[in-house]
Amino acid sequence: MFVLFAIGALMGSTHGPATVSQPPPKATPPSETLTMDKYNEIQTGMSYGQVVGIVGRDGEERSRTDLAGITTVAYIWKTDQCCGNMMLMFQRDALTVKSQSSLK
């Protein structure tokens, strides 16, 4: 009997109206995170982290080379809609080359 009393005390009781859980909010479509304005903010010498701070998301690693202690990594970012992208190359975590296609 004591066990039942303890369980009842832990669970509590509500004397008000029953609450109904709300459905989760509908997902909103992704916003256009990659624009020509953001591309133009990106400057050679920036770190990968600085670029992610501007774009708002990570890039997709396309290639990585380690040669004579120097790491070179190429990333691509694609627009949320069709066709636009930018490709950035980092050497020792510093942007060395950037290119873009069809950004607005």
N, C-alpha and C. Protein backbone atom coordinates (compact mmCIF):
# COMPACT_ATOMS: atom_id res chain seq x y z
N MET A 1 0.82 -1.19 0.00
CA MET A 1 0.00 0.00 0.00
C MET A 1 0.87 1.26 0.00
N PHE A 2 1.95 1.23 0.77
CA PHE A 2 2.86 2.37 0.79
C PHE A 2 3.45 2.62 -0.59
N VAL A 3 3.77 1.54 -1.33
CA VAL A 3 4.34 1.66 -2.66
C VAL A 3 3.35 2.36 -3.59
N LEU A 4 2.09 1.99 -3.53
CA LEU A 4 1.09 2.63 -4.38
C LEU A 4 0.94 4.11 -4.04
N PHE A 5 0.99 4.43 -2.75
CA PHE A 5 0.89 5.82 -2.33
C PHE A 5 2.08 6.62 -2.88
N ALA A 6 3.29 6.04 -2.81
CA ALA A 6 4.49 6.72 -3.28
C ALA A 6 4.43 6.94 -4.79
N ILE A 7 3.98 5.94 -5.53
CA ILE A 7 3.85 6.08 -6.98
C ILE A 7 2.84 7.16 -7.32
N GLY A 8 1.72 7.18 -6.61
CA GLY A 8 0.70 8.20 -6.85
C GLY A 8 1.23 9.59 -6.55
N ALA A 9 2.03 9.74 -5.52
CA ALA A 9 2.59 11.04 -5.16
C ALA A 9 3.59 11.50 -6.22
N LEU A 10 4.39 10.58 -6.75
CA LEU A 10 5.36 10.93 -7.78
C LEU A 10 4.68 11.33 -9.09
N MET A 11 3.62 10.65 -9.42
CA MET A 11 2.93 10.94 -10.67
C MET A 11 2.08 12.19 -10.56
N GLY A 12 1.64 12.52 -9.34
CA GLY A 12 0.82 13.70 -9.13
C GLY A 12 -0.56 13.49 -9.72
N SER A 13 -1.42 14.44 -9.45
CA SER A 13 -2.75 14.36 -10.04
C SER A 13 -3.11 15.74 -10.52
N THR A 14 -3.86 15.79 -11.58
CA THR A 14 -4.32 17.07 -12.11
C THR A 14 -5.82 17.13 -11.95
N HIS A 15 -6.27 18.26 -11.49
CA HIS A 15 -7.71 18.42 -11.31
C HIS A 15 -8.28 19.39 -12.32
N GLY A 16 -7.43 19.98 -13.14
CA GLY A 16 -7.88 20.92 -14.16
C GLY A 16 -8.21 20.19 -15.44
N PRO A 17 -8.48 20.94 -16.50
CA PRO A 17 -8.79 20.32 -17.77
C PRO A 17 -7.58 19.57 -18.32
N ALA A 18 -7.86 18.53 -19.05
CA ALA A 18 -6.79 17.74 -19.65
C ALA A 18 -6.06 18.59 -20.68
N THR A 19 -4.75 18.42 -20.72
CA THR A 19 -3.99 19.16 -21.70
C THR A 19 -3.75 18.28 -22.92
N VAL A 20 -3.83 18.89 -24.07
CA VAL A 20 -3.60 18.16 -25.30
C VAL A 20 -2.31 18.70 -25.89
N SER A 21 -1.41 17.80 -26.22
CA SER A 21 -0.14 18.27 -26.77
C SER A 21 -0.37 18.82 -28.18
N GLN A 22 0.34 19.88 -28.46
CA GLN A 22 0.23 20.52 -29.76
C GLN A 22 1.11 19.78 -30.75
N PRO A 23 0.68 19.69 -32.00
CA PRO A 23 1.56 19.07 -33.00
C PRO A 23 2.78 19.95 -33.22
N PRO A 24 3.90 19.34 -33.60
CA PRO A 24 5.09 20.15 -33.83
C PRO A 24 4.85 21.12 -34.99
N PRO A 25 5.50 22.28 -34.96
CA PRO A 25 5.30 23.23 -36.06
C PRO A 25 5.78 22.63 -37.37
N LYS A 26 5.13 23.03 -38.45
CA LYS A 26 5.52 22.54 -39.76
C LYS A 26 6.90 23.06 -40.11
N ALA A 27 7.67 22.21 -40.76
CA ALA A 27 9.01 22.62 -41.17
C ALA A 27 8.90 23.69 -42.25
N THR A 28 9.71 24.69 -42.10
CA THR A 28 9.73 25.72 -43.13
C THR A 28 10.76 25.34 -44.18
N PRO A 29 10.51 25.72 -45.42
CA PRO A 29 11.48 25.36 -46.46
C PRO A 29 12.81 26.06 -46.19
N PRO A 30 13.90 25.44 -46.62
CA PRO A 30 15.20 26.06 -46.36
C PRO A 30 15.31 27.40 -47.05
N SER A 31 16.00 28.31 -46.40
CA SER A 31 16.20 29.62 -47.01
C SER A 31 17.43 29.55 -47.92
N GLU A 32 17.52 30.49 -48.80
CA GLU A 32 18.66 30.56 -49.70
C GLU A 32 19.86 31.04 -48.89
N THR A 33 20.75 30.12 -48.53
CA THR A 33 21.86 30.50 -47.67
C THR A 33 23.11 30.90 -48.44
N LEU A 34 23.17 30.56 -49.70
CA LEU A 34 24.36 30.87 -50.48
C LEU A 34 23.99 31.89 -51.56
N THR A 35 24.52 33.09 -51.41
CA THR A 35 24.22 34.17 -52.35
C THR A 35 25.52 34.79 -52.85
N MET A 36 25.41 35.58 -53.90
CA MET A 36 26.57 36.28 -54.43
C MET A 36 27.12 37.28 -53.40
N ASP A 37 26.23 37.90 -52.64
CA ASP A 37 26.68 38.82 -51.59
C ASP A 37 27.57 38.10 -50.57
N LYS A 38 27.15 36.91 -50.15
CA LYS A 38 27.95 36.15 -49.19
C LYS A 38 29.26 35.72 -49.82
N TYR A 39 29.20 35.29 -51.08
CA TYR A 39 30.42 34.91 -51.79
C TYR A 39 31.42 36.08 -51.82
N ASN A 40 30.91 37.27 -52.08
CA ASN A 40 31.78 38.44 -52.15
C ASN A 40 32.38 38.83 -50.79
N GLU A 41 31.72 38.44 -49.70
CA GLU A 41 32.27 38.68 -48.36
C GLU A 41 33.47 37.80 -48.06
N ILE A 42 33.53 36.67 -48.72
CA ILE A 42 34.59 35.69 -48.47
C ILE A 42 35.87 36.14 -49.16
N GLN A 43 36.94 36.23 -48.39
CA GLN A 43 38.22 36.73 -48.91
C GLN A 43 39.33 35.70 -48.72
N THR A 44 40.30 35.70 -49.62
CA THR A 44 41.43 34.80 -49.46
C THR A 44 42.11 35.08 -48.12
N GLY A 45 42.64 34.02 -47.55
CA GLY A 45 43.27 34.12 -46.23
C GLY A 45 42.34 33.74 -45.09
N MET A 46 41.01 33.77 -45.33
CA MET A 46 40.07 33.39 -44.28
C MET A 46 40.18 31.91 -43.97
N SER A 47 39.85 31.55 -42.73
CA SER A 47 39.82 30.15 -42.33
C SER A 47 38.49 29.52 -42.75
N TYR A 48 38.47 28.20 -42.74
CA TYR A 48 37.23 27.48 -43.05
C TYR A 48 36.13 27.91 -42.07
N GLY A 49 36.45 28.04 -40.80
CA GLY A 49 35.47 28.45 -39.79
C GLY A 49 34.88 29.82 -40.08
N GLN A 50 35.70 30.76 -40.54
CA GLN A 50 35.21 32.09 -40.88
C GLN A 50 34.23 32.00 -42.06
N VAL A 51 34.55 31.17 -43.04
CA VAL A 51 33.66 31.00 -44.20
C VAL A 51 32.33 30.40 -43.75
N VAL A 52 32.38 29.38 -42.92
CA VAL A 52 31.14 28.77 -42.42
C VAL A 52 30.32 29.81 -41.66
N GLY A 53 30.97 30.70 -40.94
CA GLY A 53 30.27 31.77 -40.24
C GLY A 53 29.53 32.69 -41.19
N ILE A 54 30.07 32.91 -42.37
CA ILE A 54 29.41 33.77 -43.36
C ILE A 54 28.28 33.03 -44.06
N VAL A 55 28.56 31.82 -44.50
CA VAL A 55 27.58 31.05 -45.28
C VAL A 55 26.48 30.48 -44.38
N GLY A 56 26.84 30.10 -43.17
CA GLY A 56 25.84 29.56 -42.24
C GLY A 56 25.73 28.05 -42.24
N ARG A 57 26.62 27.38 -42.96
CA ARG A 57 26.61 25.91 -42.96
C ARG A 57 27.93 25.40 -43.50
N ASP A 58 28.22 24.14 -43.21
CA ASP A 58 29.44 23.51 -43.68
C ASP A 58 29.38 23.24 -45.17
N GLY A 59 30.54 23.20 -45.78
CA GLY A 59 30.65 22.79 -47.17
C GLY A 59 30.82 21.28 -47.26
N GLU A 60 30.71 20.77 -48.46
CA GLU A 60 30.92 19.35 -48.71
C GLU A 60 32.36 19.15 -49.18
N GLU A 61 33.12 18.37 -48.44
CA GLU A 61 34.52 18.14 -48.81
C GLU A 61 34.58 17.36 -50.12
N ARG A 62 35.34 17.87 -51.08
CA ARG A 62 35.46 17.23 -52.40
C ARG A 62 36.81 16.55 -52.58
N SER A 63 37.86 17.12 -52.00
CA SER A 63 39.17 16.48 -52.10
C SER A 63 40.05 16.94 -50.96
N ARG A 64 41.03 16.10 -50.63
CA ARG A 64 41.99 16.41 -49.57
C ARG A 64 43.34 15.82 -49.98
N THR A 65 44.37 16.64 -49.87
CA THR A 65 45.71 16.20 -50.20
C THR A 65 46.66 16.62 -49.09
N ASP A 66 47.48 15.69 -48.66
CA ASP A 66 48.54 15.98 -47.70
C ASP A 66 49.86 15.74 -48.41
N LEU A 67 50.60 16.80 -48.65
CA LEU A 67 51.86 16.69 -49.38
C LEU A 67 52.91 17.54 -48.69
N ALA A 68 53.99 16.91 -48.28
CA ALA A 68 55.11 17.59 -47.62
C ALA A 68 54.64 18.37 -46.39
N GLY A 69 53.69 17.80 -45.66
CA GLY A 69 53.20 18.44 -44.44
C GLY A 69 52.20 19.56 -44.66
N ILE A 70 51.78 19.76 -45.90
CA ILE A 70 50.80 20.80 -46.22
C ILE A 70 49.49 20.12 -46.61
N THR A 71 48.43 20.47 -45.89
CA THR A 71 47.11 19.91 -46.19
C THR A 71 46.32 20.90 -47.03
N THR A 72 45.81 20.41 -48.15
CA THR A 72 44.98 21.21 -49.04
C THR A 72 43.62 20.52 -49.14
N VAL A 73 42.55 21.29 -48.89
CA VAL A 73 41.21 20.73 -48.91
C VAL A 73 40.33 21.60 -49.80
N ALA A 74 39.55 20.95 -50.67
CA ALA A 74 38.58 21.66 -51.52
C ALA A 74 37.18 21.33 -51.04
N TYR A 75 36.34 22.37 -50.92
CA TYR A 75 34.95 22.21 -50.49
C TYR A 75 34.04 22.83 -51.54
N ILE A 76 32.81 22.29 -51.60
CA ILE A 76 31.79 22.88 -52.45
C ILE A 76 30.58 23.20 -51.59
N TRP A 77 29.96 24.32 -51.86
CA TRP A 77 28.68 24.71 -51.27
C TRP A 77 27.71 24.87 -52.43
N LYS A 78 26.54 24.28 -52.31
CA LYS A 78 25.52 24.40 -53.35
C LYS A 78 24.38 25.25 -52.83
N THR A 79 23.70 25.93 -53.75
CA THR A 79 22.52 26.70 -53.35
C THR A 79 21.41 25.75 -52.98
N ASP A 80 20.41 26.27 -52.28
CA ASP A 80 19.27 25.45 -51.87
C ASP A 80 18.36 25.16 -53.05
N GLN A 81 18.45 25.96 -54.08
CA GLN A 81 17.71 25.68 -55.30
C GLN A 81 18.70 25.18 -56.36
N CYS A 82 18.25 25.10 -57.56
CA CYS A 82 19.03 24.53 -58.66
C CYS A 82 20.25 25.34 -59.04
N CYS A 83 21.30 24.65 -59.27
CA CYS A 83 22.41 25.06 -60.13
C CYS A 83 23.52 25.91 -59.53
N GLY A 84 23.30 26.81 -58.61
CA GLY A 84 24.37 27.67 -58.11
C GLY A 84 25.29 26.94 -57.15
N ASN A 85 26.57 27.31 -57.16
CA ASN A 85 27.51 26.73 -56.21
C ASN A 85 28.76 27.60 -56.11
N MET A 86 29.55 27.32 -55.10
CA MET A 86 30.88 27.91 -55.00
C MET A 86 31.83 26.82 -54.56
N MET A 87 33.05 26.92 -55.04
CA MET A 87 34.09 25.97 -54.72
C MET A 87 35.23 26.75 -54.09
N LEU A 88 35.68 26.31 -52.92
CA LEU A 88 36.75 26.99 -52.20
C LEU A 88 37.86 25.99 -51.88
N MET A 89 39.10 26.45 -51.99
CA MET A 89 40.24 25.61 -51.67
C MET A 89 41.02 26.25 -50.53
N PHE A 90 41.31 25.44 -49.51
CA PHE A 90 42.04 25.89 -48.34
C PHE A 90 43.37 25.15 -48.26
N GLN A 91 44.40 25.90 -47.92
CA GLN A 91 45.70 25.30 -47.68
C GLN A 91 46.14 25.74 -46.30
N ARG A 92 46.42 24.77 -45.44
CA ARG A 92 46.74 25.07 -44.04
C ARG A 92 45.64 25.91 -43.40
N ASP A 93 44.40 25.58 -43.70
CA ASP A 93 43.19 26.24 -43.19
C ASP A 93 43.12 27.72 -43.54
N ALA A 94 43.71 28.11 -44.65
CA ALA A 94 43.59 29.48 -45.15
C ALA A 94 43.08 29.41 -46.59
N LEU A 95 42.06 30.17 -46.90
CA LEU A 95 41.47 30.16 -48.24
C LEU A 95 42.50 30.66 -49.25
N THR A 96 42.74 29.85 -50.28
CA THR A 96 43.70 30.24 -51.31
C THR A 96 43.04 30.49 -52.67
N VAL A 97 41.98 29.75 -52.97
CA VAL A 97 41.31 29.88 -54.27
C VAL A 97 39.80 29.81 -54.06
N LYS A 98 39.07 30.67 -54.76
CA LYS A 98 37.61 30.60 -54.69
C LYS A 98 37.05 30.77 -56.09
N SER A 99 35.94 30.08 -56.36
CA SER A 99 35.23 30.23 -57.63
C SER A 99 33.76 29.99 -57.38
N GLN A 100 32.93 30.52 -58.27
CA GLN A 100 31.49 30.35 -58.12
C GLN A 100 30.85 30.17 -59.50
N SER A 101 29.65 29.64 -59.49
CA SER A 101 28.89 29.47 -60.71
C SER A 101 27.42 29.71 -60.42
N SER A 102 26.81 30.61 -61.17
CA SER A 102 25.37 30.86 -61.15
C SER A 102 24.82 31.33 -59.81
N LEU A 103 25.61 32.02 -59.00
CA LEU A 103 25.07 32.59 -57.76
C LEU A 103 24.32 33.86 -58.07
N LYS A 104 23.28 34.12 -57.27
CA LYS A 104 22.47 35.34 -57.47
C LYS A 104 22.65 36.26 -56.28
